[in-house]
Amino acid sequence: MNLNKKGSTAAGAVVLAAFILVTAADATPAASVVTEAPAPETANDGWDTHFEASGGRETGRFVQTVEYCRRLANASPWLHMTRFGTSPQGRELVLMIADRDGDFTAAAARDAGKAVLLLQAGIHAGEIDGKDAGLMLLRDIAVRRTCPELLDHLTILLIPVFNVDGHERFGPHNRANQNGPLEMGWRVTAQGYNLNRDHLKADAPEMRSWLTLFADWLPDFFIDSHVSDGADFRHVVMYGLELGGNLDPELAAWTRDVYLEGLSETLAADGYPVMPYGGFRSWQDPRSGILVWSSGPRYSHGYAAIQNRPALLLETHMFKDYKTRVDATYRVFRHTAEILNREHERLRAAV
């Protein structure tokens, strides 16, 4: 994901001078230090995703993704597959809902007192790590049931691919600076819209469908999964959180002191230290410091902020291999669900 700071709300920019020197010193490449748990479970039970069957080198086509979603929903009463719109080329916008009590509507989940977590992949369809990570997480929760407790106080929504038409503009050279998968989708839609610049103007029919979905569910927490386009860092996981004054102060404090602190500690223990997502203050000079900024509502996480909903912009690093990036994304999704289960009452009160 390329965030052009000229198009964002730069007033909240903070220069983290010398930050890169500090973080690079303690950031070990994750491939050599990642711990075993809680990586995606694997078993010879017929439930491996296309990603797993390929040894972590490939992602499936859209029809394979839809079929896997259908299999999941048919196999578990905890899962429901639905659609929230149709693309210009006629593809369904698929939504998976995970709820242990079968509360598959926004009203039912709210009445049950549950927090709602929305996981989104493929708004830029070449940056598809979250699709495979999300499918594996739902499988592990509801089919293999290795972590059913994640639904104790939580309803999970998964959009496996948002830009479905871009996903099917499949090819090996769509992101020449990205280390896998072997083939991937395209950044913009069939009509040429960048969906992650469309949340306010809503030109794309896909976005108009998404806005209806978001307004209906108003998730308590939102993760938008991307792969970076910018500077080269040693970290696998980078994040953006709206902490620059565009959330309610109590909610911002919870996001910073509870969510971010807990997620950072757990990911570091897994071998994935995290850092804020940004760019060099002087584009080609890392000595100039790192610039981060509050994002306007044309972006997904900025749009969530104006609804007073915390959102994580998840950026895995483009030069890390696909298997490593998906594993890191899976852990972010899973650890977020763990935190929200513990904190569901405080979070719901804050939003």
Protein backbone atom coordinates (compact mmCIF):
# COMPACT_ATOMS: atom_id res chain seq x y z
CA MET A 1 0.00 0.00 0.00
CA ASN A 2 1.43 3.34 -1.01
CA LEU A 3 0.33 6.17 1.27
CA ASN A 4 1.11 9.45 -0.40
CA LYS A 5 1.49 11.87 2.48
CA LYS A 6 0.47 14.78 0.29
CA GLY A 7 -2.96 13.14 0.05
CA SER A 8 -3.27 12.41 3.76
CA THR A 9 -3.84 14.55 6.80
CA ALA A 10 -0.27 15.64 7.33
CA ALA A 11 -1.11 17.99 10.19
CA GLY A 12 -0.76 15.14 12.65
CA ALA A 13 2.64 14.16 11.34
CA VAL A 14 5.27 13.23 13.89
CA VAL A 15 8.93 12.87 13.06
CA LEU A 16 10.47 9.92 14.89
CA ALA A 17 14.06 11.05 14.54
CA ALA A 18 16.66 8.27 14.66
CA PHE A 19 13.90 5.71 15.16
CA ILE A 20 15.13 3.59 12.32
CA LEU A 21 18.53 3.22 13.97
CA VAL A 22 16.96 2.01 17.21
CA THR A 23 14.47 -0.38 15.68
CA ALA A 24 16.92 -1.85 13.20
CA ALA A 25 19.25 -2.74 16.03
CA ASP A 26 16.79 -5.06 17.76
CA ALA A 27 14.82 -6.31 14.77
CA THR A 28 15.95 -9.82 13.90
CA PRO A 29 14.76 -11.26 10.60
CA ALA A 30 11.69 -13.25 11.56
CA ALA A 31 12.44 -16.27 9.43
CA SER A 32 15.16 -17.40 11.84
CA VAL A 33 13.47 -16.73 15.18
CA VAL A 34 9.76 -17.35 14.79
CA THR A 35 8.36 -19.54 17.55
CA GLU A 36 6.08 -22.48 16.94
CA ALA A 37 2.85 -21.24 18.55
CA PRO A 38 0.34 -20.04 17.55
CA ALA A 39 1.20 -20.65 13.90
CA PRO A 40 -1.56 -22.02 11.67
CA GLU A 41 -2.33 -25.62 12.47
CA THR A 42 -1.59 -28.13 9.71
CA ALA A 43 -3.01 -31.61 9.46
CA ASN A 44 -3.60 -34.13 6.73
CA ASP A 45 -7.36 -33.74 7.03
CA GLY A 46 -8.24 -32.19 3.68
CA TRP A 47 -8.50 -28.67 5.08
CA ASP A 48 -5.19 -27.22 3.93
CA THR A 49 -5.62 -24.05 1.90
CA HIS A 50 -4.12 -23.65 -1.57
CA PHE A 51 -1.45 -21.52 0.10
CA GLU A 52 -0.46 -24.34 2.45
CA ALA A 53 -0.62 -27.02 -0.24
CA SER A 54 1.81 -24.98 -2.34
CA GLY A 55 4.33 -24.76 0.49
CA GLY A 56 3.52 -21.11 1.07
CA ARG A 57 4.44 -20.01 -2.44
CA GLU A 58 1.01 -19.48 -4.05
CA THR A 59 -2.39 -17.98 -3.37
CA GLY A 60 -5.53 -19.45 -4.92
CA ARG A 61 -7.68 -17.88 -7.60
CA PHE A 62 -10.98 -16.27 -6.66
CA VAL A 63 -13.09 -19.30 -7.59
CA GLN A 64 -10.90 -21.46 -5.32
CA THR A 65 -11.31 -18.94 -2.53
CA VAL A 66 -15.09 -18.92 -2.85
CA GLU A 67 -15.21 -22.71 -2.91
CA TYR A 68 -13.04 -22.94 0.22
CA CYS A 69 -15.34 -20.45 1.97
CA ARG A 70 -18.34 -22.52 0.97
CA ARG A 71 -16.72 -25.69 2.30
CA LEU A 72 -15.96 -23.98 5.61
CA ALA A 73 -19.52 -22.74 6.00
CA ASN A 74 -20.95 -26.16 5.17
CA ALA A 75 -18.63 -27.88 7.64
CA SER A 76 -19.28 -25.74 10.71
CA PRO A 77 -22.43 -24.29 12.27
CA TRP A 78 -20.20 -21.51 13.59
CA LEU A 79 -19.62 -20.11 10.09
CA HIS A 80 -21.92 -18.37 7.66
CA MET A 81 -21.09 -17.31 4.10
CA THR A 82 -22.95 -14.43 2.51
CA ARG A 83 -22.44 -11.67 -0.03
CA PHE A 84 -22.55 -7.92 0.46
CA GLY A 85 -22.46 -6.82 -3.16
CA THR A 86 -21.46 -7.59 -6.74
CA SER A 87 -18.48 -6.27 -8.70
CA PRO A 88 -18.74 -4.56 -12.12
CA GLN A 89 -17.60 -7.82 -13.73
CA GLY A 90 -20.27 -9.80 -11.89
CA ARG A 91 -18.27 -11.39 -9.07
CA GLU A 92 -19.77 -11.70 -5.62
CA LEU A 93 -18.30 -9.71 -2.75
CA VAL A 94 -18.01 -12.50 -0.18
CA LEU A 95 -18.34 -12.03 3.57
CA MET A 96 -17.62 -14.80 6.08
CA ILE A 97 -19.17 -14.50 9.54
CA ALA A 98 -17.87 -16.52 12.49
CA ASP A 99 -20.02 -16.75 15.61
CA ARG A 100 -20.27 -19.70 17.97
CA ASP A 101 -23.94 -19.04 18.80
CA GLY A 102 -25.07 -18.51 15.23
CA ASP A 103 -25.52 -14.75 15.72
CA PHE A 104 -24.92 -13.97 12.07
CA THR A 105 -26.52 -10.52 11.95
CA ALA A 106 -25.27 -7.26 13.38
CA ALA A 107 -28.34 -6.93 15.60
CA ALA A 108 -27.99 -10.44 17.00
CA ALA A 109 -24.30 -9.99 17.77
CA ARG A 110 -24.98 -6.67 19.51
CA ASP A 111 -27.87 -8.08 21.52
CA ALA A 112 -25.56 -10.87 22.70
CA GLY A 113 -23.06 -8.32 23.99
CA LYS A 114 -20.26 -9.42 21.69
CA ALA A 115 -17.52 -7.31 20.18
CA VAL A 116 -17.26 -7.39 16.39
CA LEU A 117 -13.93 -7.70 14.58
CA LEU A 118 -13.75 -7.04 10.83
CA LEU A 119 -10.77 -8.52 8.97
CA GLN A 120 -10.28 -7.32 5.40
CA ALA A 121 -7.94 -8.52 2.66
CA GLY A 122 -7.40 -7.57 -0.94
CA ILE A 123 -8.51 -3.96 -1.10
CA HIS A 124 -5.32 -3.88 -3.17
CA ALA A 125 -5.63 -7.33 -4.68
CA GLY A 126 -1.92 -7.92 -5.22
CA GLU A 127 -1.37 -7.48 -1.47
CA ILE A 128 -3.23 -10.62 -0.55
CA ASP A 129 -1.58 -11.97 2.63
CA GLY A 130 -4.73 -11.42 4.69
CA LYS A 131 -6.87 -13.65 2.49
CA ASP A 132 -4.88 -16.80 3.22
CA ALA A 133 -4.27 -15.84 6.85
CA GLY A 134 -7.96 -15.13 7.41
CA LEU A 135 -9.15 -18.37 5.84
CA MET A 136 -6.73 -20.38 7.97
CA LEU A 137 -7.84 -18.59 11.12
CA LEU A 138 -11.54 -19.28 10.51
CA ARG A 139 -10.72 -22.91 9.75
CA ASP A 140 -8.67 -23.28 12.93
CA ILE A 141 -11.43 -21.70 15.02
CA ALA A 142 -14.50 -23.39 13.59
CA VAL A 143 -13.46 -26.58 11.77
CA ARG A 144 -10.27 -27.86 13.37
CA ARG A 145 -11.31 -26.10 16.60
CA THR A 146 -7.79 -25.58 17.85
CA CYS A 147 -8.73 -22.13 19.18
CA PRO A 148 -12.53 -22.07 19.67
CA GLU A 149 -12.15 -19.71 22.63
CA LEU A 150 -11.59 -16.86 20.18
CA LEU A 151 -15.37 -16.74 19.73
CA ASP A 152 -16.18 -16.59 23.45
CA HIS A 153 -17.07 -12.88 23.32
CA LEU A 154 -16.39 -12.07 19.70
CA THR A 155 -18.00 -12.17 16.28
CA ILE A 156 -15.45 -12.21 13.46
CA LEU A 157 -16.18 -10.92 9.97
CA LEU A 158 -13.80 -11.73 7.11
CA ILE A 159 -13.75 -10.14 3.68
CA PRO A 160 -11.29 -12.52 1.97
CA VAL A 161 -11.03 -10.40 -1.19
CA PHE A 162 -12.47 -6.89 -1.49
CA ASN A 163 -11.17 -5.94 -4.95
CA VAL A 164 -12.43 -9.14 -6.57
CA ASP A 165 -12.06 -8.04 -10.20
CA GLY A 166 -8.52 -6.82 -9.58
CA HIS A 167 -7.78 -10.15 -7.91
CA GLU A 168 -8.55 -11.95 -11.16
CA ARG A 169 -6.21 -9.78 -13.22
CA PHE A 170 -3.75 -12.44 -12.14
CA GLY A 171 -0.10 -12.48 -13.11
CA PRO A 172 3.50 -12.90 -11.94
CA HIS A 173 4.59 -9.29 -12.57
CA ASN A 174 1.78 -7.25 -11.02
CA ARG A 175 3.99 -6.25 -8.09
CA ALA A 176 7.56 -6.47 -9.32
CA ASN A 177 8.98 -5.28 -5.99
CA GLN A 178 7.11 -7.90 -3.92
CA ASN A 179 8.54 -11.28 -2.89
CA GLY A 180 5.61 -13.59 -3.66
CA PRO A 181 3.20 -15.13 -4.14
CA LEU A 182 4.16 -16.52 -7.53
CA GLU A 183 1.13 -14.81 -9.08
CA MET A 184 -1.13 -12.17 -7.63
CA GLY A 185 -3.88 -9.72 -8.52
CA TRP A 186 -3.87 -6.08 -9.56
CA ARG A 187 -4.00 -2.93 -7.43
CA VAL A 188 -7.08 -1.22 -8.86
CA THR A 189 -10.55 -2.39 -9.84
CA ALA A 190 -11.81 -3.29 -13.32
CA GLN A 191 -12.96 0.33 -13.61
CA GLY A 192 -9.57 1.66 -12.53
CA TYR A 193 -10.52 2.77 -9.02
CA ASN A 194 -8.13 2.54 -6.10
CA LEU A 195 -10.56 1.39 -3.43
CA ASN A 196 -8.36 2.65 -0.63
CA ARG A 197 -8.81 6.21 -1.87
CA ASP A 198 -12.57 5.91 -2.36
CA HIS A 199 -14.14 5.81 1.09
CA LEU A 200 -15.44 9.40 0.91
CA LYS A 201 -16.26 9.86 -2.78
CA ALA A 202 -17.56 6.29 -3.21
CA ASP A 203 -17.23 6.21 -6.99
CA ALA A 204 -16.77 2.43 -7.12
CA PRO A 205 -19.82 0.18 -6.74
CA GLU A 206 -17.70 -2.13 -4.58
CA MET A 207 -17.11 0.75 -2.17
CA ARG A 208 -20.77 1.67 -2.00
CA SER A 209 -21.52 -1.92 -1.01
CA TRP A 210 -18.74 -1.84 1.58
CA LEU A 211 -20.01 1.39 3.13
CA THR A 212 -23.43 -0.19 3.60
CA LEU A 213 -21.83 -3.23 5.24
CA PHE A 214 -19.71 -1.09 7.54
CA ALA A 215 -22.66 1.07 8.58
CA ASP A 216 -24.75 -2.02 9.30
CA TRP A 217 -22.18 -3.79 11.46
CA LEU A 218 -20.13 -0.81 12.76
CA PRO A 219 -17.38 -3.20 13.88
CA ASP A 220 -15.68 -2.46 17.16
CA PHE A 221 -12.28 -3.10 15.60
CA PHE A 222 -11.14 -3.23 11.98
CA ILE A 223 -7.96 -4.61 10.39
CA ASP A 224 -7.11 -3.77 6.79
CA SER A 225 -4.33 -6.05 5.52
CA HIS A 226 -1.74 -4.74 3.05
CA VAL A 227 1.83 -5.23 1.83
CA SER A 228 4.20 -2.27 1.88
CA ASP A 229 5.43 -0.28 -1.11
CA GLY A 230 7.85 2.00 0.66
CA ALA A 231 11.21 2.05 2.41
CA ASP A 232 13.20 -1.09 3.20
CA PHE A 233 13.04 -2.09 6.88
CA ARG A 234 14.11 -5.27 8.62
CA HIS A 235 10.70 -5.70 10.24
CA VAL A 236 8.11 -8.04 8.77
CA VAL A 237 5.20 -6.25 10.48
CA MET A 238 4.47 -2.54 10.34
CA TYR A 239 1.32 -0.88 11.62
CA GLY A 240 -0.72 2.27 11.36
CA LEU A 241 -3.11 3.28 14.15
CA GLU A 242 -5.06 6.51 14.37
CA LEU A 243 -3.63 8.05 17.53
CA GLY A 244 -3.23 11.65 16.36
CA GLY A 245 -6.38 13.12 17.85
CA ASN A 246 -9.02 11.76 15.49
CA LEU A 247 -10.44 9.23 17.98
CA ASP A 248 -12.22 9.78 21.27
CA PRO A 249 -9.45 10.26 23.88
CA GLU A 250 -10.56 7.29 25.99
CA LEU A 251 -10.67 5.03 22.93
CA ALA A 252 -7.30 6.31 21.72
CA ALA A 253 -5.79 5.58 25.14
CA TRP A 254 -7.18 2.02 25.05
CA THR A 255 -5.86 1.52 21.53
CA ARG A 256 -2.38 2.71 22.50
CA ASP A 257 -1.97 1.39 26.04
CA VAL A 258 -3.91 -1.87 25.88
CA TYR A 259 -4.20 -3.03 22.29
CA LEU A 260 -0.91 -1.83 20.79
CA GLU A 261 1.14 -2.65 23.87
CA GLY A 262 -0.35 -6.14 24.13
CA LEU A 263 -0.05 -6.88 20.42
CA SER A 264 3.52 -5.61 20.26
CA GLU A 265 4.65 -7.71 23.22
CA THR A 266 3.03 -10.89 21.93
CA LEU A 267 4.31 -10.47 18.38
CA ALA A 268 7.81 -9.76 19.64
CA ALA A 269 7.68 -13.00 21.63
CA ASP A 270 6.67 -14.75 18.40
CA GLY A 271 9.72 -13.32 16.63
CA TYR A 272 7.96 -10.44 14.89
CA PRO A 273 8.91 -7.10 16.45
CA VAL A 274 6.74 -4.33 15.05
CA MET A 275 7.30 -0.73 14.01
CA PRO A 276 5.07 2.14 12.89
CA TYR A 277 4.37 2.34 9.18
CA GLY A 278 5.70 5.49 7.56
CA GLY A 279 8.33 6.86 5.24
CA PHE A 280 11.61 8.67 5.52
CA ARG A 281 11.25 12.38 6.18
CA SER A 282 13.61 12.95 3.28
CA TRP A 283 12.49 10.26 0.84
CA GLN A 284 15.90 8.64 0.13
CA ASP A 285 17.67 9.44 3.41
CA PRO A 286 17.00 7.14 6.41
CA ARG A 287 19.10 9.45 8.61
CA SER A 288 16.38 12.09 8.32
CA GLY A 289 14.00 10.12 10.55
CA ILE A 290 10.64 8.48 9.96
CA LEU A 291 7.47 10.40 9.24
CA VAL A 292 4.09 9.06 10.33
CA TRP A 293 0.80 10.88 10.03
CA SER A 294 -2.88 10.78 10.77
CA SER A 295 -4.85 9.53 7.78
CA GLY A 296 -7.84 11.20 6.24
CA PRO A 297 -11.17 9.43 5.77
CA ARG A 298 -10.58 8.52 2.14
CA TYR A 299 -8.41 5.71 3.57
CA SER A 300 -9.95 2.68 5.27
CA HIS A 301 -8.45 3.26 8.72
CA GLY A 302 -9.06 7.00 8.53
CA TYR A 303 -12.69 6.35 7.62
CA ALA A 304 -13.06 4.01 10.60
CA ALA A 305 -11.65 6.73 12.84
CA ILE A 306 -14.34 9.25 11.89
CA GLN A 307 -16.85 6.57 12.96
CA ASN A 308 -14.94 6.40 16.28
CA ARG A 309 -13.81 2.88 15.56
CA PRO A 310 -10.17 1.82 16.07
CA ALA A 311 -8.55 0.36 12.98
CA LEU A 312 -5.21 -1.28 12.35
CA LEU A 313 -3.50 -0.69 9.04
CA LEU A 314 -1.42 -3.87 8.77
CA GLU A 315 1.54 -3.62 6.39
CA THR A 316 3.79 -6.64 5.95
CA HIS A 317 7.10 -5.96 4.26
CA MET A 318 7.26 -6.46 0.50
CA PHE A 319 10.75 -8.02 0.49
CA LYS A 320 9.88 -10.77 2.98
CA ASP A 321 8.77 -14.06 1.41
CA TYR A 322 5.08 -14.82 1.11
CA LYS A 323 5.06 -17.67 3.61
CA THR A 324 6.62 -15.47 6.29
CA ARG A 325 4.25 -12.60 5.56
CA VAL A 326 1.15 -14.79 5.78
CA ASP A 327 2.36 -16.33 9.04
CA ALA A 328 2.89 -12.86 10.50
CA THR A 329 -0.55 -11.74 9.32
CA TYR A 330 -2.17 -14.83 10.85
CA ARG A 331 -0.55 -14.03 14.18
CA VAL A 332 -1.73 -10.40 14.06
CA PHE A 333 -5.29 -11.56 13.36
CA ARG A 334 -5.22 -14.21 16.07
CA HIS A 335 -3.60 -12.08 18.75
CA THR A 336 -6.06 -9.27 18.01
CA ALA A 337 -8.94 -11.69 18.54
CA GLU A 338 -7.39 -12.77 21.85
CA ILE A 339 -7.11 -9.17 23.04
CA LEU A 340 -10.65 -8.31 21.98
CA ASN A 341 -12.02 -11.34 23.81
CA ARG A 342 -10.37 -10.18 27.02
CA GLU A 343 -11.27 -6.54 26.48
CA HIS A 344 -14.69 -6.81 24.87
CA GLU A 345 -16.56 -4.97 27.61
CA ARG A 346 -14.10 -2.06 27.83
CA LEU A 347 -13.88 -1.73 24.07
CA ARG A 348 -17.64 -1.74 23.53
CA ALA A 349 -18.06 0.85 26.26
CA ALA A 350 -15.40 3.06 24.69
CA VAL A 351 -16.79 3.06 21.16
